[in-house]
Protein backbone atom coordinates (compact mmCIF):
# COMPACT_ATOMS: atom_id res chain seq x y z
CA MET A 1 45.51 -107.87 -206.10
CA ARG A 2 44.60 -104.92 -203.68
CA THR A 3 45.36 -105.11 -199.99
CA GLN A 4 44.68 -101.64 -199.21
CA SER A 5 41.44 -101.93 -196.88
CA ASN A 6 40.70 -98.65 -195.51
CA VAL A 7 37.30 -97.03 -195.92
CA ALA A 8 39.15 -93.90 -197.32
CA ARG A 9 42.71 -93.51 -198.22
CA PRO A 10 44.80 -92.17 -195.62
CA ASP A 11 46.24 -89.52 -197.95
CA THR A 12 43.07 -88.11 -199.06
CA GLY A 13 40.88 -85.21 -197.76
CA VAL A 14 37.09 -84.70 -197.32
CA ARG A 15 36.93 -83.01 -200.76
CA GLU A 16 38.46 -86.02 -202.37
CA VAL A 17 36.32 -88.18 -200.74
CA SER A 18 33.32 -86.32 -201.38
CA LEU A 19 33.99 -85.98 -205.15
CA SER A 20 34.83 -89.68 -205.49
CA VAL A 21 31.61 -90.84 -203.70
CA GLY A 22 29.49 -87.95 -205.28
CA SER A 23 30.68 -89.17 -208.79
CA ALA A 24 29.70 -92.78 -207.81
CA VAL A 25 26.28 -91.48 -206.73
CA ALA A 26 25.61 -89.51 -209.94
CA LEU A 27 26.61 -92.48 -212.08
CA THR A 28 24.39 -94.72 -210.20
CA ALA A 29 21.61 -91.86 -210.69
CA LEU A 30 22.26 -91.86 -214.35
CA GLY A 31 22.04 -95.71 -214.68
CA VAL A 32 18.53 -95.40 -213.01
CA ILE A 33 17.48 -92.60 -215.37
CA ALA A 34 18.83 -94.74 -218.49
CA ALA A 35 17.43 -97.66 -217.13
CA PHE A 36 13.89 -96.09 -217.37
CA ALA A 37 14.65 -94.77 -220.67
CA SER A 38 15.47 -98.34 -221.79
CA VAL A 39 12.05 -99.67 -220.66
CA ILE A 40 10.52 -96.90 -222.92
CA VAL A 41 12.78 -97.35 -226.10
CA VAL A 42 13.71 -101.10 -225.83
CA ASP A 43 10.28 -102.54 -224.62
CA PRO A 44 8.63 -102.24 -228.30
CA LEU A 45 11.49 -104.22 -229.72
CA PHE A 46 11.50 -106.94 -227.23
CA GLY A 47 7.64 -107.09 -227.48
CA THR A 48 7.90 -107.73 -231.22
CA ILE A 49 10.36 -110.63 -230.46
CA ARG A 50 7.95 -111.97 -228.04
CA THR A 51 5.33 -112.28 -230.40
CA GLU A 52 7.49 -114.18 -233.07
CA TRP A 53 9.61 -116.36 -230.60
CA GLY A 54 7.41 -116.13 -227.26
CA LEU A 55 9.97 -117.62 -224.84
CA LEU A 56 12.93 -115.69 -226.15
CA GLY A 57 10.99 -112.46 -226.11
CA GLU A 58 9.82 -113.32 -222.30
CA LEU A 59 13.58 -113.84 -221.34
CA LEU A 60 14.62 -110.69 -222.95
CA GLU A 61 11.83 -108.67 -221.36
CA SER A 62 13.17 -109.79 -217.93
CA TYR A 63 16.43 -107.54 -218.67
CA ILE A 64 14.99 -104.79 -220.19
CA VAL A 65 16.91 -102.22 -218.26
CA GLN A 66 20.29 -103.40 -218.82
CA PRO A 67 20.76 -101.65 -222.17
CA GLY A 68 20.34 -98.46 -220.29
CA PHE A 69 23.27 -99.48 -217.90
CA GLY A 70 25.21 -100.41 -220.84
CA LEU A 71 24.77 -96.85 -222.40
CA VAL A 72 25.93 -95.04 -219.24
CA ALA A 73 28.95 -97.30 -218.88
CA ALA A 74 29.88 -96.87 -222.53
CA CYS A 75 29.64 -93.01 -222.38
CA TYR A 76 31.82 -92.99 -219.05
CA ILE A 77 34.39 -94.98 -220.77
CA TRP A 78 34.51 -92.71 -223.97
CA TRP A 79 34.62 -89.61 -221.44
CA ARG A 80 37.34 -91.21 -219.01
CA ASP A 81 40.35 -91.27 -221.02
CA GLY A 82 42.69 -94.25 -220.63
CA TYR A 83 40.11 -96.21 -218.71
CA ASN A 84 38.82 -99.38 -220.25
CA PRO A 85 37.04 -101.95 -218.03
CA LEU A 86 37.17 -104.52 -220.89
CA ASP A 87 40.89 -104.88 -219.62
CA ARG A 88 39.59 -106.54 -216.60
CA ILE A 89 37.72 -109.18 -218.10
CA GLN A 90 40.14 -112.03 -217.88
CA THR A 91 40.22 -115.86 -217.30
CA PRO A 92 39.15 -116.65 -213.61
CA SER A 93 41.84 -117.79 -211.24
CA LEU A 94 40.95 -120.65 -208.84
CA GLU A 95 40.03 -117.89 -206.32
CA GLY A 96 37.92 -116.31 -209.00
CA ILE A 97 36.08 -119.45 -209.85
CA ALA A 98 35.37 -119.66 -205.90
CA TRP A 99 33.98 -116.37 -206.00
CA ILE A 100 31.92 -117.24 -208.81
CA GLY A 101 30.28 -120.03 -206.85
CA PHE A 102 30.00 -118.14 -203.64
CA ILE A 103 28.54 -114.97 -204.92
CA PRO A 104 24.92 -116.47 -206.02
CA ILE A 105 24.86 -118.97 -203.30
CA GLY A 106 25.91 -116.76 -200.67
CA TYR A 107 23.31 -114.33 -201.78
CA GLU A 108 20.34 -116.98 -201.77
CA MET A 109 21.82 -118.21 -198.33
CA ALA A 110 21.29 -114.72 -197.00
CA VAL A 111 17.89 -114.00 -198.57
CA ARG A 112 16.88 -117.26 -196.76
CA ALA A 113 18.17 -116.23 -193.60
CA VAL A 114 16.91 -112.63 -193.58
CA THR A 115 13.43 -113.62 -195.18
CA PRO A 116 11.87 -115.20 -191.80
CA VAL A 117 13.01 -112.15 -189.89
CA LEU A 118 11.27 -109.61 -192.31
CA PRO A 119 7.64 -109.90 -190.60
CA MET A 120 9.08 -109.10 -187.22
CA VAL A 121 9.72 -105.35 -188.61
CA GLY A 122 6.68 -105.06 -190.64
CA LEU A 123 8.13 -106.22 -193.99
CA SER A 124 7.96 -109.19 -196.17
CA HIS A 125 9.48 -110.76 -199.25
CA SER A 126 7.60 -113.03 -201.69
CA THR A 127 9.72 -116.25 -202.99
CA HIS A 128 10.16 -116.50 -206.63
CA GLY A 129 7.48 -117.50 -208.76
CA GLY A 130 7.43 -119.27 -211.91
CA THR A 131 9.95 -121.75 -213.31
CA ALA A 132 13.53 -121.17 -212.82
CA THR A 133 15.41 -120.21 -216.11
CA TRP A 134 17.44 -123.57 -216.15
CA ARG A 135 14.64 -125.38 -216.08
CA VAL A 136 12.98 -123.64 -218.82
CA PHE A 137 16.02 -124.12 -220.85
CA LEU A 138 15.85 -128.07 -220.35
CA ASP A 139 12.27 -128.07 -221.25
CA HIS A 140 13.11 -125.83 -224.43
CA PRO A 141 16.42 -126.44 -225.86
CA GLU A 142 16.08 -124.34 -228.77
CA ILE A 143 16.45 -121.20 -226.58
CA ILE A 144 19.45 -122.48 -224.72
CA VAL A 145 22.07 -120.90 -226.81
CA PRO A 146 20.40 -117.50 -227.47
CA GLY A 147 19.48 -117.60 -224.03
CA LEU A 148 22.80 -118.04 -222.56
CA VAL A 149 24.23 -115.55 -224.85
CA ILE A 150 21.75 -113.00 -223.76
CA MET A 151 22.34 -113.30 -220.01
CA PHE A 152 26.35 -114.15 -219.80
CA ALA A 153 27.63 -112.11 -222.83
CA VAL A 154 25.32 -109.32 -223.05
CA MET A 155 23.04 -108.39 -220.27
CA ALA A 156 25.25 -109.33 -217.12
CA PRO A 157 28.31 -107.49 -218.87
CA MET A 158 26.11 -104.28 -219.19
CA GLU A 159 25.26 -104.20 -215.68
CA GLU A 160 28.61 -105.34 -214.08
CA ILE A 161 30.51 -103.15 -216.22
CA LEU A 162 28.53 -100.14 -214.74
CA TYR A 163 28.10 -101.04 -211.17
CA ARG A 164 31.12 -103.12 -210.50
CA GLY A 165 33.74 -101.61 -213.09
CA VAL A 166 32.66 -97.81 -213.60
CA VAL A 167 31.18 -97.07 -210.14
CA HIS A 168 34.30 -98.68 -208.52
CA ASP A 169 36.62 -96.54 -210.98
CA ALA A 170 34.84 -93.44 -209.71
CA LEU A 171 35.43 -94.46 -205.94
CA GLU A 172 38.93 -95.64 -206.39
CA PRO A 173 40.92 -92.22 -206.29
CA ALA A 174 39.84 -91.58 -202.72
CA ILE A 175 38.02 -94.50 -201.26
CA GLY A 176 39.85 -97.90 -200.04
CA SER A 177 39.12 -101.43 -200.94
CA LEU A 178 36.62 -101.92 -197.95
CA GLY A 179 34.79 -98.45 -198.83
CA ARG A 180 34.47 -99.47 -202.37
CA VAL A 181 32.97 -102.74 -201.68
CA LEU A 182 30.56 -101.22 -198.98
CA ILE A 183 29.51 -98.28 -200.93
CA GLY A 184 29.50 -99.98 -204.15
CA GLY A 185 27.22 -102.49 -203.03
CA LEU A 186 24.80 -100.00 -201.15
CA LEU A 187 24.45 -98.13 -204.45
CA PHE A 188 23.76 -101.36 -206.32
CA GLY A 189 20.98 -101.89 -203.79
CA GLY A 190 19.88 -98.22 -203.78
CA MET A 191 19.67 -98.77 -207.79
CA HIS A 192 17.14 -101.50 -207.24
CA LEU A 193 15.17 -99.33 -204.76
CA PHE A 194 13.88 -97.28 -207.63
CA LEU A 195 13.66 -100.02 -210.30
CA SER A 196 12.40 -102.80 -208.39
CA GLY A 197 10.81 -100.71 -205.52
CA GLY A 198 10.66 -101.20 -201.49
CA VAL A 199 13.06 -101.25 -198.73
CA VAL A 200 13.35 -105.10 -199.11
CA SER A 201 14.70 -104.94 -202.39
CA LEU A 202 17.20 -102.02 -201.33
CA LEU A 203 18.33 -104.59 -198.39
CA LEU A 204 18.61 -107.82 -200.33
CA THR A 205 20.18 -106.45 -203.37
CA SER A 206 22.62 -104.53 -201.35
CA ILE A 207 23.80 -107.96 -199.83
CA PHE A 208 24.23 -109.20 -203.64
CA GLY A 209 26.02 -105.92 -204.51
CA VAL A 210 28.68 -106.31 -201.46
CA LEU A 211 29.38 -110.03 -202.26
CA ALA A 212 29.89 -109.07 -206.06
CA ALA A 213 32.17 -106.12 -205.21
CA GLY A 214 34.13 -108.14 -202.68
CA GLY A 215 34.60 -110.68 -205.53
CA TYR A 216 35.67 -108.09 -207.91
CA GLU A 217 37.90 -106.31 -205.49
CA ARG A 218 39.70 -109.47 -204.37
CA THR A 219 40.28 -110.81 -207.87
CA GLU A 220 40.56 -107.23 -210.06
CA ASN A 221 38.70 -109.54 -212.68
CA LEU A 222 35.08 -108.26 -213.92
CA THR A 223 34.55 -111.87 -215.31
CA VAL A 224 34.01 -112.97 -211.93
CA PRO A 225 30.90 -110.81 -210.96
CA ILE A 226 29.58 -111.00 -214.70
CA ILE A 227 29.54 -114.92 -214.54
CA ALA A 228 28.29 -115.11 -210.93
CA HIS A 229 25.42 -112.46 -211.78
CA ALA A 230 24.24 -114.25 -215.04
CA GLY A 231 24.68 -117.45 -213.09
CA HIS A 232 22.43 -116.29 -210.46
CA TRP A 233 19.77 -115.52 -213.00
CA LEU A 234 20.16 -118.96 -214.66
CA MET A 235 19.93 -120.93 -211.52
CA PHE A 236 17.67 -119.03 -209.52
CA THR A 237 15.53 -116.60 -211.61
CA PRO A 238 12.41 -117.79 -213.10
CA ILE A 239 11.20 -116.85 -216.58
């Protein structure tokens, strides 16, 4: 477990820090570009599935940008010789299990705390509409297995391997643990600024990014943010 908590490592200079942060920003930007490309390429496929299997296709269309994230992550892993984030997908420890619960619950608590304050600064945040995913699964058990596989084994891993694994790897040479958590979280929020739109989306998803990055830094286990992310989709995100 890492214990170094400086924002920047003490033995690195401005150039190394700039290169490290610049690489992380570039990877985040590539993720955004690939996400838009994914919408164009994948949307017709998911639309076809929706015509044949309505609810499953509707679920897939909620995660239309994640294939783009997965492509960028795969290209980075291929380019970065000797780096394989899959090595950090492990059985979670007791601390990891605690983080898996804390990340989505802590995020929802933060959203509920921040939302009433937003109108004071001229912003607003609408609550989730529709029916929570777990309720849809209970009402339609025929999509439970494919739905859980889509969220926990496909879409969440593609997003987390890029924004927790790959982006953090780019930051690691020159940035300390605290810096990786903060910068990685802000970059995750910045990605949502372009894909979800608005300053509120940037603020709230940055909170989630910091929590997920904190769990990953503490445990060095990608399983933790992957399950936490998919768990949030399952418990709080509507179909």
